Amino acid sequence: MSIFGPVTNDLVDVVLPFESGYSLDLQRGDSREALVDACGDAVRDFPQSLWIEPKDRAERARQNDENKTWALNYCDRFTNQGSGTNPIDGSSGYSTHECTCHSLSRNFEMVWNRQRAICLGGPETRRLPISAQANAVWVSPLSVYAEANPNQWGGANVQQVLEIAFRRGMLPEPVQPKPYKFKHILHGTCGGGNVNQSRGSWVPLSQFPEGWPDTAKHLRPLEVCFPRSRAEAECLLLNGYPLSVGRSGHAVPLGGIIWDKKLYPYADSYNVIRYDSSIAWQGSFAILSTTTPDDWDKPGG
């Protein structure tokens, strides 16, 4: 039995009717070569230890279902970059342009939690007690996006946000599973937010809290893999790693496989699990490891 919930046609291969921040022009810049250059020494070739023969993949998927070891099992919240109403003209379907940073933050958090091997159950719109017990940390997509696109609108491509995250890390949100007493925080989105994600007005990098890099450096991805084929991408998912992909004008973090339907679920940055019917693996990335604190109760140092 899959953890990913009922699948209805309106949740499969969704193309958003509004701009979310990953236009075709931005997508064109995310060649594998550009992504490798952006991440430098953090890039790892696909680990051969993660290769699963095609004949064994269905069984591995079944084991992940049974053992709750999909990437989405290590996810405990949704983020929400939508705000419902355009403040300029009052139209519906309004959204911020932060999607590549929301996808990045989901990827980072799933790997952070995966390193502790504690199943959190899957993304929820409510607060989960297990999040505090597992020392989950919620990072701010805006803390990367504000540097990637100082003009706020127009989005950012994957190479931009990865370079920033690997270089200096991300700030935590003020909303957390437990009171970590971070020295520096930044709200997560200029969109709608939710009970597990803070929202607020646009903040330029120049107005980040003084000394913020001292906290951000503790919340950094350390290793990243860019799959060279659909098979490698599928093996990363089968080994419990999230895979951030960009397609159809939107960036999303795939977090598993419903094997019998060949669907790839993701926690979309609009408070909902949706599904792709194929892997847009070109230009995709999987974070393999992140920083880990000396004291999990003090993740900000």
Protein backbone atom coordinates (compact mmCIF):
# COMPACT_ATOMS: atom_id res chain seq x y z
CA MET A 1 0.00 0.00 0.00
CA SER A 2 1.54 3.31 -1.07
CA ILE A 3 1.81 6.18 1.40
CA PHE A 4 1.19 8.71 -1.31
CA GLY A 5 -2.57 8.85 -1.10
CA PRO A 6 -5.32 8.51 -3.69
CA VAL A 7 -4.35 9.46 -7.22
CA THR A 8 -6.89 11.31 -9.32
CA ASN A 9 -6.44 12.50 -12.88
CA ASP A 10 -6.41 16.16 -11.89
CA LEU A 11 -3.23 15.54 -9.84
CA VAL A 12 -1.21 13.92 -12.65
CA ASP A 13 1.09 15.84 -15.04
CA VAL A 14 -0.15 19.18 -13.79
CA VAL A 15 0.86 22.23 -15.79
CA LEU A 16 0.24 25.34 -13.73
CA PRO A 17 -1.87 28.05 -15.37
CA PHE A 18 0.38 30.78 -13.97
CA GLU A 19 4.08 31.59 -13.67
CA SER A 20 5.81 29.90 -10.72
CA GLY A 21 9.41 30.87 -11.44
CA TYR A 22 10.97 28.42 -13.92
CA SER A 23 10.34 29.71 -17.40
CA LEU A 24 11.63 28.00 -20.54
CA ASP A 25 14.36 30.64 -20.83
CA LEU A 26 15.58 29.81 -17.34
CA GLN A 27 15.35 26.09 -18.03
CA ARG A 28 17.56 26.41 -21.12
CA GLY A 29 20.42 27.57 -18.90
CA ASP A 30 20.34 24.43 -16.76
CA SER A 31 22.43 22.07 -18.83
CA ARG A 32 24.24 19.36 -16.92
CA GLU A 33 27.53 21.08 -17.69
CA ALA A 34 26.31 24.39 -16.24
CA LEU A 35 25.04 22.66 -13.10
CA VAL A 36 28.34 20.83 -12.59
CA ASP A 37 30.25 24.09 -12.97
CA ALA A 38 27.98 25.81 -10.45
CA CYS A 39 28.60 23.19 -7.75
CA GLY A 40 32.31 22.50 -8.31
CA ASP A 41 33.91 20.16 -5.77
CA ALA A 42 30.50 19.19 -4.32
CA VAL A 43 29.59 17.21 -7.47
CA ARG A 44 29.66 13.43 -7.22
CA ASP A 45 29.29 10.96 -10.07
CA PHE A 46 26.37 8.62 -9.71
CA PRO A 47 27.49 6.17 -6.98
CA GLN A 48 27.63 2.68 -8.43
CA SER A 49 26.56 1.34 -5.03
CA LEU A 50 23.14 2.87 -5.78
CA TRP A 51 22.68 1.05 -9.08
CA ILE A 52 19.73 -1.36 -9.06
CA GLU A 53 19.31 -3.82 -11.90
CA PRO A 54 16.05 -3.35 -13.84
CA LYS A 55 14.81 -6.80 -12.79
CA ASP A 56 15.17 -5.83 -9.11
CA ARG A 57 13.53 -2.41 -9.17
CA ALA A 58 9.95 -3.49 -8.60
CA GLU A 59 11.03 -5.41 -5.50
CA ARG A 60 12.97 -2.41 -4.18
CA ALA A 61 9.90 -0.24 -4.66
CA ARG A 62 7.84 -2.77 -2.71
CA GLN A 63 10.43 -2.72 0.09
CA ASN A 64 10.32 1.08 0.20
CA ASP A 65 6.54 0.95 0.53
CA GLU A 66 6.81 -1.58 3.34
CA ASN A 67 9.74 0.00 5.20
CA LYS A 68 8.71 3.61 4.58
CA THR A 69 12.05 4.53 3.06
CA TRP A 70 11.02 6.72 0.14
CA ALA A 71 12.33 10.27 0.21
CA LEU A 72 8.81 11.52 0.90
CA ASN A 73 8.78 9.45 4.10
CA TYR A 74 11.48 11.84 5.34
CA CYS A 75 9.36 14.89 4.52
CA ASP A 76 7.07 16.42 7.16
CA ARG A 77 5.66 19.61 5.69
CA PHE A 78 4.43 21.37 2.60
CA THR A 79 5.59 24.79 1.56
CA ASN A 80 3.26 27.24 -0.16
CA GLN A 81 4.44 29.85 -2.65
CA GLY A 82 0.91 30.68 -3.78
CA SER A 83 -1.14 33.42 -2.20
CA GLY A 84 -4.44 33.09 -4.01
CA THR A 85 -5.02 36.70 -5.06
CA ASN A 86 -2.84 39.00 -7.12
CA PRO A 87 -2.24 42.15 -5.05
CA ILE A 88 -1.97 44.24 -8.23
CA ASP A 89 -5.19 43.40 -10.04
CA GLY A 90 -7.08 41.08 -7.68
CA SER A 91 -7.02 38.14 -10.08
CA SER A 92 -6.93 34.56 -8.77
CA GLY A 93 -4.18 32.00 -9.24
CA TYR A 94 -1.46 34.38 -8.13
CA SER A 95 1.92 32.92 -7.17
CA THR A 96 5.40 34.02 -6.23
CA HIS A 97 8.28 33.02 -8.52
CA GLU A 98 10.24 31.04 -5.90
CA CYS A 99 9.65 27.47 -7.16
CA THR A 100 13.29 26.42 -7.72
CA CYS A 101 14.05 27.45 -4.13
CA HIS A 102 11.02 25.62 -2.74
CA SER A 103 12.13 22.49 -4.60
CA LEU A 104 15.67 22.94 -3.27
CA SER A 105 14.47 23.36 0.32
CA ARG A 106 12.29 20.22 0.14
CA ASN A 107 15.25 18.28 -1.24
CA PHE A 108 17.58 19.56 1.50
CA GLU A 109 15.13 18.81 4.31
CA MET A 110 14.39 15.28 3.13
CA VAL A 111 18.12 14.47 3.00
CA TRP A 112 18.70 16.13 6.40
CA ASN A 113 16.04 13.85 7.88
CA ARG A 114 17.15 10.81 5.88
CA GLN A 115 20.58 11.04 7.53
CA ARG A 116 18.90 10.31 10.87
CA ALA A 117 16.89 7.42 9.37
CA ILE A 118 13.72 8.53 11.14
CA CYS A 119 10.49 8.12 9.20
CA LEU A 120 8.37 11.25 9.48
CA GLY A 121 5.47 9.81 7.52
CA GLY A 122 5.07 12.25 4.64
CA PRO A 123 4.21 15.93 4.12
CA GLU A 124 1.29 17.30 6.11
CA THR A 125 -0.60 20.56 6.34
CA ARG A 126 -0.69 20.14 10.12
CA ARG A 127 2.10 20.11 12.69
CA LEU A 128 3.51 16.62 13.36
CA PRO A 129 4.90 15.75 16.83
CA ILE A 130 7.45 13.44 15.15
CA SER A 131 9.08 16.50 13.53
CA ALA A 132 10.30 17.73 16.91
CA GLN A 133 11.33 14.24 18.03
CA ALA A 134 13.37 13.81 14.84
CA ASN A 135 15.01 17.25 15.12
CA ALA A 136 13.70 18.22 11.70
CA VAL A 137 14.74 21.70 10.55
CA TRP A 138 12.79 23.92 8.17
CA VAL A 139 14.86 26.14 5.90
CA SER A 140 13.72 29.29 4.15
CA PRO A 141 13.37 29.19 0.34
CA LEU A 142 13.39 32.99 0.38
CA SER A 143 16.85 33.01 1.98
CA VAL A 144 18.22 31.66 -1.32
CA TYR A 145 15.80 33.27 -3.76
CA ALA A 146 16.48 36.81 -2.53
CA GLU A 147 20.08 36.46 -3.71
CA ALA A 148 19.29 34.46 -6.85
CA ASN A 149 16.88 37.13 -8.10
CA PRO A 150 17.27 40.52 -6.35
CA ASN A 151 14.37 41.88 -8.43
CA GLN A 152 11.92 39.39 -6.78
CA TRP A 153 9.95 38.60 -9.95
CA GLY A 154 11.02 36.44 -12.88
CA GLY A 155 12.23 33.34 -11.08
CA ALA A 156 15.67 31.73 -10.89
CA ASN A 157 17.26 28.76 -12.56
CA VAL A 158 18.62 25.69 -10.81
CA GLN A 159 22.30 26.49 -11.29
CA GLN A 160 21.82 29.83 -9.50
CA VAL A 161 20.10 28.44 -6.44
CA LEU A 162 22.40 25.43 -6.12
CA GLU A 163 25.53 27.58 -6.32
CA ILE A 164 24.18 29.83 -3.55
CA ALA A 165 23.10 26.97 -1.29
CA PHE A 166 26.40 25.10 -1.59
CA ARG A 167 28.47 28.26 -1.18
CA ARG A 168 26.89 29.74 1.94
CA GLY A 169 23.89 27.68 3.07
CA MET A 170 20.32 28.60 3.93
CA LEU A 171 18.68 30.40 6.80
CA PRO A 172 16.10 28.65 8.98
CA GLU A 173 12.51 29.81 9.11
CA PRO A 174 11.12 31.34 12.33
CA VAL A 175 8.49 28.57 12.30
CA GLN A 176 10.23 25.37 13.46
CA PRO A 177 9.18 21.97 14.87
CA LYS A 178 10.79 22.92 18.19
CA PRO A 179 12.47 26.02 19.72
CA TYR A 180 16.04 25.76 18.43
CA LYS A 181 16.91 29.37 19.36
CA PHE A 182 18.58 30.16 16.04
CA LYS A 183 20.55 33.42 16.10
CA HIS A 184 19.38 34.35 12.60
CA ILE A 185 16.09 33.53 10.85
CA LEU A 186 14.17 34.61 7.76
CA HIS A 187 10.57 33.94 6.80
CA GLY A 188 10.16 31.32 4.12
CA THR A 189 8.09 32.89 1.38
CA CYS A 190 6.39 36.00 0.07
CA GLY A 191 3.50 33.70 -0.85
CA GLY A 192 0.72 32.27 1.25
CA GLY A 193 2.71 30.10 3.66
CA ASN A 194 0.89 27.72 6.00
CA VAL A 195 0.95 26.47 9.58
CA ASN A 196 4.43 25.00 8.95
CA GLN A 197 5.82 27.83 6.82
CA SER A 198 6.17 31.50 7.67
CA ARG A 199 5.41 34.24 5.20
CA GLY A 200 6.25 37.92 4.94
CA SER A 201 7.21 40.78 2.67
CA TRP A 202 10.10 40.77 0.24
CA VAL A 203 13.51 41.14 1.94
CA PRO A 204 16.56 42.07 -0.15
CA LEU A 205 19.87 40.40 0.69
CA SER A 206 21.19 43.71 2.06
CA GLN A 207 18.53 43.58 4.77
CA PHE A 208 19.16 40.05 5.99
CA PRO A 209 19.83 39.99 9.76
CA GLU A 210 23.36 41.07 10.68
CA GLY A 211 25.73 38.14 10.91
CA TRP A 212 23.34 35.76 9.11
CA PRO A 213 26.13 33.69 7.39
CA ASP A 214 27.13 32.37 10.83
CA THR A 215 23.84 30.48 10.98
CA ALA A 216 23.39 29.69 7.27
CA LYS A 217 26.72 27.86 7.07
CA HIS A 218 25.32 25.15 9.36
CA LEU A 219 22.46 24.41 6.92
CA ARG A 220 24.24 23.59 3.68
CA PRO A 221 24.06 20.76 1.17
CA LEU A 222 27.48 19.11 0.85
CA GLU A 223 27.27 16.64 -2.05
CA VAL A 224 25.11 16.57 -5.15
CA CYS A 225 24.59 14.16 -8.04
CA PHE A 226 23.32 15.02 -11.50
CA PRO A 227 22.02 11.81 -13.09
CA ARG A 228 23.12 11.10 -16.66
CA SER A 229 20.09 8.99 -17.58
CA ARG A 230 16.53 8.20 -16.65
CA ALA A 231 17.74 4.90 -15.18
CA GLU A 232 20.17 6.66 -12.82
CA ALA A 233 17.42 9.08 -11.82
CA GLU A 234 15.09 6.18 -11.04
CA CYS A 235 17.76 4.43 -9.00
CA LEU A 236 18.30 7.57 -6.91
CA LEU A 237 14.59 7.62 -6.10
CA LEU A 238 14.57 3.89 -5.33
CA ASN A 239 17.42 4.45 -2.87
CA GLY A 240 15.41 7.06 -1.00
CA TYR A 241 16.93 10.24 -2.40
CA PRO A 242 14.70 13.10 -3.58
CA LEU A 243 15.19 14.29 -7.15
CA SER A 244 14.53 17.93 -7.99
CA VAL A 245 13.41 18.35 -11.58
CA GLY A 246 12.26 21.22 -13.76
CA ARG A 247 9.54 20.76 -16.36
CA SER A 248 6.52 22.53 -17.84
CA GLY A 249 7.52 25.88 -16.34
CA HIS A 250 7.75 24.56 -12.77
CA ALA A 251 10.41 23.04 -10.48
CA VAL A 252 9.38 20.17 -8.20
CA PRO A 253 11.05 17.61 -5.87
CA LEU A 254 10.14 14.04 -6.83
CA GLY A 255 10.07 11.85 -3.74
CA GLY A 256 9.25 8.30 -4.73
CA ILE A 257 7.60 5.98 -7.25
CA ILE A 258 4.17 4.37 -7.31
CA TRP A 259 5.51 1.38 -9.15
CA ASP A 260 2.37 -0.25 -10.47
CA LYS A 261 1.19 3.04 -11.96
CA LYS A 262 4.68 4.35 -12.86
CA LEU A 263 3.91 7.68 -11.22
CA TYR A 264 6.40 9.91 -9.46
CA PRO A 265 4.89 11.83 -6.50
CA TYR A 266 6.14 15.18 -5.26
CA ALA A 267 5.23 17.59 -2.49
CA ASP A 268 4.27 20.57 -4.61
CA SER A 269 4.85 24.03 -3.20
CA TYR A 270 1.09 24.62 -3.14
CA ASN A 271 0.12 22.42 -0.15
CA VAL A 272 -0.57 19.30 -2.20
CA ILE A 273 1.00 16.04 -3.41
CA ARG A 274 0.95 15.75 -7.19
CA TYR A 275 2.36 13.21 -9.63
CA ASP A 276 4.38 13.13 -12.83
CA SER A 277 4.06 10.19 -15.20
CA SER A 278 7.71 10.39 -16.30
CA ILE A 279 11.04 11.66 -14.96
CA ALA A 280 12.29 14.91 -16.48
CA TRP A 281 15.80 13.85 -15.51
CA GLN A 282 17.83 16.21 -17.72
CA GLY A 283 18.97 19.09 -15.51
CA SER A 284 17.77 17.30 -12.39
CA PHE A 285 19.72 16.95 -9.15
CA ALA A 286 19.78 14.85 -6.00
CA ILE A 287 21.42 16.14 -2.84
CA LEU A 288 23.38 13.22 -1.39
CA SER A 289 24.44 14.70 1.94
CA THR A 290 24.10 17.84 4.07
CA THR A 291 25.85 19.33 7.04
CA THR A 292 25.11 17.56 10.33
CA PRO A 293 25.34 19.30 13.72
CA ASP A 294 27.48 18.19 16.65
CA ASP A 295 24.32 18.54 18.75
CA TRP A 296 21.04 17.86 16.96
CA ASP A 297 19.26 20.12 19.46
CA LYS A 298 21.48 22.99 18.28
CA PRO A 299 21.44 22.69 14.48
CA GLY A 300 22.47 26.33 14.03
CA GLY A 301 25.70 25.95 15.96
